[in-house]
Amino acid sequence: MTSPEEYFSRSIMLYGRKGFELLGKSTVAVVGLGGVGSYAAEALCRAGVGGIRLIDCDTVKATDVNRQLIALRTNAGARKVDVAEDRLRQVNPEARLDPRHAFFHRDTADDLLAGGIDFVVDAIDSMNPKAELISQCVGRSLPIVSALGASSRTDPMKVRLGLLAETEVCPLARTLRRYLRNRNVTTDIPVVYSTETPLKPHPDGPPASRETAGAHVRGRARESLPSLPTLPAIFGLIAANYVIMELIKEVSGHTSQVTG
């Protein structure tokens, strides 16, 4: 019979049992389970993070299949948090999974960030809730890494991990800095971003549609953007890697991966 530890043996070989124990005691909130967040959540689970809070207000759509790890043709219409929970439960049945079908905003922040969260992965698409999440985390001294624009890009070699204050090219980063400064919130937070200029939709492609976060009345319609399956996944994996290494740095001798 396979022991629970054996499933994580390759990770334990890398960061040791003390690091593995730290991960097992940790709880990470992944806010947004799209192309970025779905990969981040699964990487955290496969690394041995014991507690994962899954936060999203949306359901699986046909247009999600090209880039979201949890999206299949067989689960269209299902709540993303439920699909993610089912999948992660198969990876690690002992994990403390906490699905929250909710829209993140000021009124829900206290509930969604309560209960001993050690780190937050921001994988939100919409600007207002994204800025609110960062503001709330900074105000609570809660560590966070934020994923910026992954759509409309094709070059994985231009993906960077750095501080929001020092990002270049990314239009979302520029707008987010303005939002946070208007709220008197620091922009010295770690972000995953790309220095590639976003591509315009191909003229032969389908017209952009308007999508809403349908589970909450505050979810504004957003214009759909072109995307490869690879770039959002890379963003999510880099964010998860940062969280993992930060959680175990006291026993691993790890130094910060954040560079300008």
Protein backbone atom coordinates (compact mmCIF):
# COMPACT_ATOMS: atom_id res chain seq x y z
CA MET A 1 0.00 0.00 0.00
CA THR A 2 1.35 3.41 -0.98
CA SER A 3 2.06 5.74 1.95
CA PRO A 4 0.85 9.36 1.75
CA GLU A 5 4.44 10.59 1.93
CA GLU A 6 5.45 8.55 -1.11
CA TYR A 7 3.20 10.64 -3.35
CA PHE A 8 5.31 13.69 -2.44
CA SER A 9 8.68 11.94 -2.28
CA ARG A 10 10.22 13.83 -5.21
CA SER A 11 9.35 17.15 -3.58
CA ILE A 12 10.64 16.02 -0.18
CA MET A 13 13.93 15.08 -1.84
CA LEU A 14 14.26 18.72 -2.91
CA TYR A 15 13.23 20.69 0.18
CA GLY A 16 13.33 18.09 2.97
CA ARG A 17 10.82 16.91 5.52
CA LYS A 18 10.83 20.16 7.48
CA GLY A 19 9.93 22.05 4.34
CA PHE A 20 7.24 19.52 3.53
CA GLU A 21 5.82 19.84 7.03
CA LEU A 22 5.71 23.62 6.67
CA LEU A 23 3.80 23.32 3.42
CA GLY A 24 1.40 20.85 4.95
CA LYS A 25 0.57 23.26 7.76
CA SER A 26 0.14 26.21 5.39
CA THR A 27 -3.05 27.52 3.82
CA VAL A 28 -3.03 29.42 0.52
CA ALA A 29 -5.99 31.21 -1.03
CA VAL A 30 -6.19 31.16 -4.81
CA VAL A 31 -8.55 33.89 -5.96
CA GLY A 32 -9.68 33.27 -9.53
CA LEU A 33 -9.66 29.79 -11.08
CA GLY A 34 -9.21 30.63 -14.75
CA GLY A 35 -6.23 29.94 -16.95
CA VAL A 36 -3.76 31.23 -14.34
CA GLY A 37 -5.44 30.27 -11.09
CA SER A 38 -6.36 26.72 -12.04
CA TYR A 39 -2.72 25.87 -12.75
CA ALA A 40 -1.53 27.67 -9.62
CA ALA A 41 -3.97 25.79 -7.40
CA GLU A 42 -2.98 22.40 -8.78
CA ALA A 43 0.75 23.11 -8.48
CA LEU A 44 0.28 24.11 -4.84
CA CYS A 45 -1.67 20.94 -4.16
CA ARG A 46 0.89 18.71 -5.88
CA ALA A 47 3.68 20.39 -3.89
CA GLY A 48 2.01 19.39 -0.63
CA VAL A 49 0.38 22.64 0.49
CA GLY A 50 -2.08 21.31 3.05
CA GLY A 51 -4.77 23.98 2.89
CA ILE A 52 -6.08 25.60 -0.27
CA ARG A 53 -8.99 28.02 -0.35
CA LEU A 54 -10.50 28.11 -3.83
CA ILE A 55 -12.32 31.36 -4.61
CA ASP A 56 -14.24 32.05 -7.82
CA CYS A 57 -17.76 33.13 -8.70
CA ASP A 58 -17.92 31.74 -12.23
CA THR A 59 -18.91 28.54 -13.99
CA VAL A 60 -17.09 26.58 -16.68
CA LYS A 61 -17.80 27.77 -20.24
CA ALA A 62 -16.94 26.35 -23.64
CA THR A 63 -14.47 29.17 -24.24
CA ASP A 64 -12.52 28.15 -21.12
CA VAL A 65 -11.42 24.79 -22.50
CA ASN A 66 -8.45 26.11 -24.48
CA ARG A 67 -6.56 27.38 -21.41
CA GLN A 68 -8.12 26.42 -18.06
CA LEU A 69 -6.84 23.22 -16.45
CA ILE A 70 -10.19 22.41 -14.85
CA ALA A 71 -12.34 23.07 -17.94
CA LEU A 72 -13.55 20.07 -19.95
CA ARG A 73 -16.29 19.55 -22.50
CA THR A 74 -17.99 17.34 -19.93
CA ASN A 75 -18.30 19.91 -17.13
CA ALA A 76 -19.63 23.01 -18.89
CA GLY A 77 -21.95 24.92 -16.56
CA ALA A 78 -20.43 23.50 -13.37
CA ARG A 79 -19.11 25.86 -10.73
CA LYS A 80 -15.36 26.28 -11.06
CA VAL A 81 -14.77 25.91 -7.33
CA ASP A 82 -16.57 22.56 -7.31
CA VAL A 83 -14.70 21.25 -10.34
CA ALA A 84 -11.37 22.39 -8.87
CA GLU A 85 -12.16 20.80 -5.52
CA ASP A 86 -13.02 17.48 -7.14
CA ARG A 87 -9.82 17.48 -9.18
CA LEU A 88 -7.54 18.45 -6.28
CA ARG A 89 -9.20 15.90 -4.04
CA GLN A 90 -7.95 13.24 -6.44
CA VAL A 91 -4.43 14.66 -6.20
CA ASN A 92 -4.41 14.76 -2.41
CA PRO A 93 -7.43 13.39 -0.53
CA GLU A 94 -5.95 14.64 2.76
CA ALA A 95 -5.78 18.28 1.62
CA ARG A 96 -7.89 20.84 3.46
CA LEU A 97 -9.84 22.21 0.52
CA ASP A 98 -12.16 25.15 1.08
CA PRO A 99 -14.20 26.06 -2.02
CA ARG A 100 -15.87 29.49 -1.92
CA HIS A 101 -18.26 30.29 -4.77
CA ALA A 102 -18.04 34.04 -4.27
CA PHE A 103 -17.14 37.32 -5.94
CA PHE A 104 -14.27 39.11 -4.21
CA HIS A 105 -15.03 42.72 -3.26
CA ARG A 106 -14.96 44.90 -0.18
CA ASP A 107 -18.10 43.38 1.34
CA THR A 108 -16.84 39.80 1.06
CA ALA A 109 -13.18 40.42 1.93
CA ASP A 110 -13.47 39.75 5.67
CA ASP A 111 -15.05 36.37 5.11
CA LEU A 112 -12.87 35.26 2.19
CA LEU A 113 -9.57 36.24 3.80
CA ALA A 114 -10.37 35.05 7.34
CA GLY A 115 -9.27 31.84 8.98
CA GLY A 116 -5.51 31.63 8.99
CA ILE A 117 -4.54 32.30 5.39
CA ASP A 118 -0.74 32.28 4.99
CA PHE A 119 -0.50 33.45 1.37
CA VAL A 120 -2.73 34.67 -1.45
CA VAL A 121 -2.45 34.09 -5.18
CA ASP A 122 -4.28 36.82 -7.08
CA ALA A 123 -5.48 35.41 -10.39
CA ILE A 124 -8.40 37.81 -10.86
CA ASP A 125 -9.09 39.21 -14.34
CA SER A 126 -11.15 42.30 -13.45
CA MET A 127 -9.44 45.47 -12.32
CA ASN A 128 -11.67 46.61 -9.45
CA PRO A 129 -11.73 43.32 -7.50
CA LYS A 130 -8.05 42.79 -8.28
CA ALA A 131 -7.12 46.16 -6.80
CA GLU A 132 -9.43 45.52 -3.85
CA LEU A 133 -7.83 42.14 -3.13
CA ILE A 134 -4.34 43.62 -3.19
CA SER A 135 -5.44 46.52 -1.01
CA GLN A 136 -7.02 44.18 1.51
CA CYS A 137 -3.96 41.94 1.65
CA VAL A 138 -1.56 44.85 2.07
CA GLY A 139 -3.77 46.28 4.82
CA ARG A 140 -3.77 42.94 6.63
CA SER A 141 -0.02 42.31 6.09
CA LEU A 142 -1.03 39.18 4.22
CA PRO A 143 1.56 38.02 1.66
CA ILE A 144 0.30 38.07 -1.92
CA VAL A 145 1.59 37.48 -5.42
CA SER A 146 -0.45 38.90 -8.27
CA ALA A 147 -0.66 37.61 -11.84
CA LEU A 148 -1.01 40.32 -14.48
CA GLY A 149 -1.90 40.09 -18.18
CA ALA A 150 -1.26 36.64 -19.69
CA SER A 151 -3.67 36.80 -22.61
CA SER A 152 -2.65 38.15 -26.03
CA ARG A 153 0.94 36.97 -25.50
CA THR A 154 2.94 34.22 -27.20
CA ASP A 155 6.52 34.48 -25.87
CA PRO A 156 7.19 32.56 -22.64
CA MET A 157 10.72 33.95 -22.47
CA LYS A 158 9.34 37.40 -21.72
CA VAL A 159 7.47 36.34 -18.58
CA ARG A 160 8.98 37.92 -15.46
CA LEU A 161 8.63 37.84 -11.68
CA GLY A 162 9.21 41.24 -10.13
CA LEU A 163 7.71 44.15 -8.24
CA LEU A 164 4.64 45.90 -9.59
CA ALA A 165 6.38 49.25 -9.12
CA GLU A 166 9.12 48.19 -11.56
CA THR A 167 7.15 46.47 -14.33
CA GLU A 168 7.52 47.46 -17.96
CA VAL A 169 5.28 47.23 -21.04
CA CYS A 170 2.29 45.48 -19.37
CA PRO A 171 -0.81 47.73 -19.74
CA LEU A 172 -2.58 45.98 -16.86
CA ALA A 173 0.34 46.74 -14.56
CA ARG A 174 0.23 50.41 -15.49
CA THR A 175 -3.49 50.64 -14.76
CA LEU A 176 -3.17 48.66 -11.53
CA ARG A 177 -0.43 50.94 -10.24
CA ARG A 178 -2.69 53.92 -10.79
CA TYR A 179 -5.59 52.24 -8.99
CA LEU A 180 -3.41 51.38 -6.00
CA ARG A 181 -1.75 54.76 -5.77
CA ASN A 182 -5.17 56.40 -5.77
CA ARG A 183 -5.93 54.21 -2.74
CA ASN A 184 -2.57 55.01 -1.10
CA VAL A 185 -1.55 51.37 -1.37
CA THR A 186 2.05 50.34 -2.00
CA THR A 187 3.01 49.03 -5.43
CA ASP A 188 6.01 47.15 -4.01
CA ILE A 189 4.26 43.79 -4.30
CA PRO A 190 5.45 40.73 -6.25
CA VAL A 191 3.78 40.19 -9.61
CA VAL A 192 4.08 37.84 -12.57
CA TYR A 193 3.98 39.81 -15.80
CA SER A 194 5.18 39.86 -19.39
CA THR A 195 7.37 42.40 -21.17
CA GLU A 196 5.78 41.37 -24.48
CA THR A 197 3.50 43.89 -26.15
CA PRO A 198 0.00 42.37 -26.22
CA LEU A 199 -1.11 41.16 -29.63
CA LYS A 200 -4.34 42.28 -31.25
CA PRO A 201 -7.00 39.67 -32.08
CA HIS A 202 -6.44 38.03 -35.46
CA PRO A 203 -8.73 39.46 -38.18
CA ASP A 204 -9.76 35.92 -39.17
CA GLY A 205 -10.84 35.04 -35.64
CA PRO A 206 -14.33 35.23 -34.15
CA PRO A 207 -15.52 38.63 -32.89
CA ALA A 208 -14.80 39.43 -29.27
CA SER A 209 -17.67 38.65 -26.95
CA ARG A 210 -18.71 40.28 -23.70
CA GLU A 211 -18.36 38.02 -20.68
CA THR A 212 -19.61 38.61 -17.18
CA ALA A 213 -18.85 37.14 -13.79
CA GLY A 214 -22.42 35.93 -13.74
CA ALA A 215 -22.60 34.83 -10.13
CA HIS A 216 -22.52 38.36 -8.75
CA VAL A 217 -24.32 41.52 -9.78
CA ARG A 218 -21.13 43.56 -9.44
CA GLY A 219 -19.34 41.47 -12.01
CA ARG A 220 -18.93 43.79 -14.99
CA ALA A 221 -18.92 42.61 -18.57
CA ARG A 222 -15.41 42.19 -19.97
CA GLU A 223 -14.37 41.88 -23.57
CA SER A 224 -12.94 38.44 -24.32
CA LEU A 225 -9.24 38.33 -25.22
CA PRO A 226 -7.23 35.88 -27.36
CA SER A 227 -5.11 33.40 -25.45
CA LEU A 228 -2.83 30.42 -25.85
CA PRO A 229 -3.07 27.55 -23.36
CA THR A 230 0.61 27.96 -22.49
CA LEU A 231 1.08 31.53 -21.26
CA PRO A 232 -1.64 31.55 -18.56
CA ALA A 233 -0.32 28.20 -17.34
CA ILE A 234 3.22 29.58 -17.11
CA PHE A 235 1.97 32.59 -15.15
CA GLY A 236 0.12 30.34 -12.73
CA LEU A 237 3.06 27.99 -12.23
CA ILE A 238 5.48 30.85 -11.61
CA ALA A 239 3.09 32.33 -9.04
CA ALA A 240 2.73 28.95 -7.31
CA ASN A 241 6.50 28.41 -7.34
CA TYR A 242 7.02 31.77 -5.68
CA VAL A 243 4.51 30.93 -2.95
CA ILE A 244 6.02 27.49 -2.32
CA MET A 245 9.53 28.82 -1.95
CA GLU A 246 8.43 31.70 0.26
CA LEU A 247 6.56 29.33 2.58
CA ILE A 248 9.61 27.13 3.13
CA LYS A 249 12.36 29.76 3.01
CA GLU A 250 13.08 29.58 6.73
CA VAL A 251 14.22 25.97 6.39
CA SER A 252 15.48 25.96 2.82
CA GLY A 253 17.90 28.89 2.85
CA HIS A 254 15.87 30.30 -0.03
CA THR A 255 16.33 33.95 -0.96
CA SER A 256 13.70 36.05 -2.69
CA GLN A 257 13.06 35.34 -6.35
CA VAL A 258 11.67 38.83 -6.96
CA THR A 259 13.76 40.97 -9.28
CA GLY A 260 13.00 44.15 -11.13
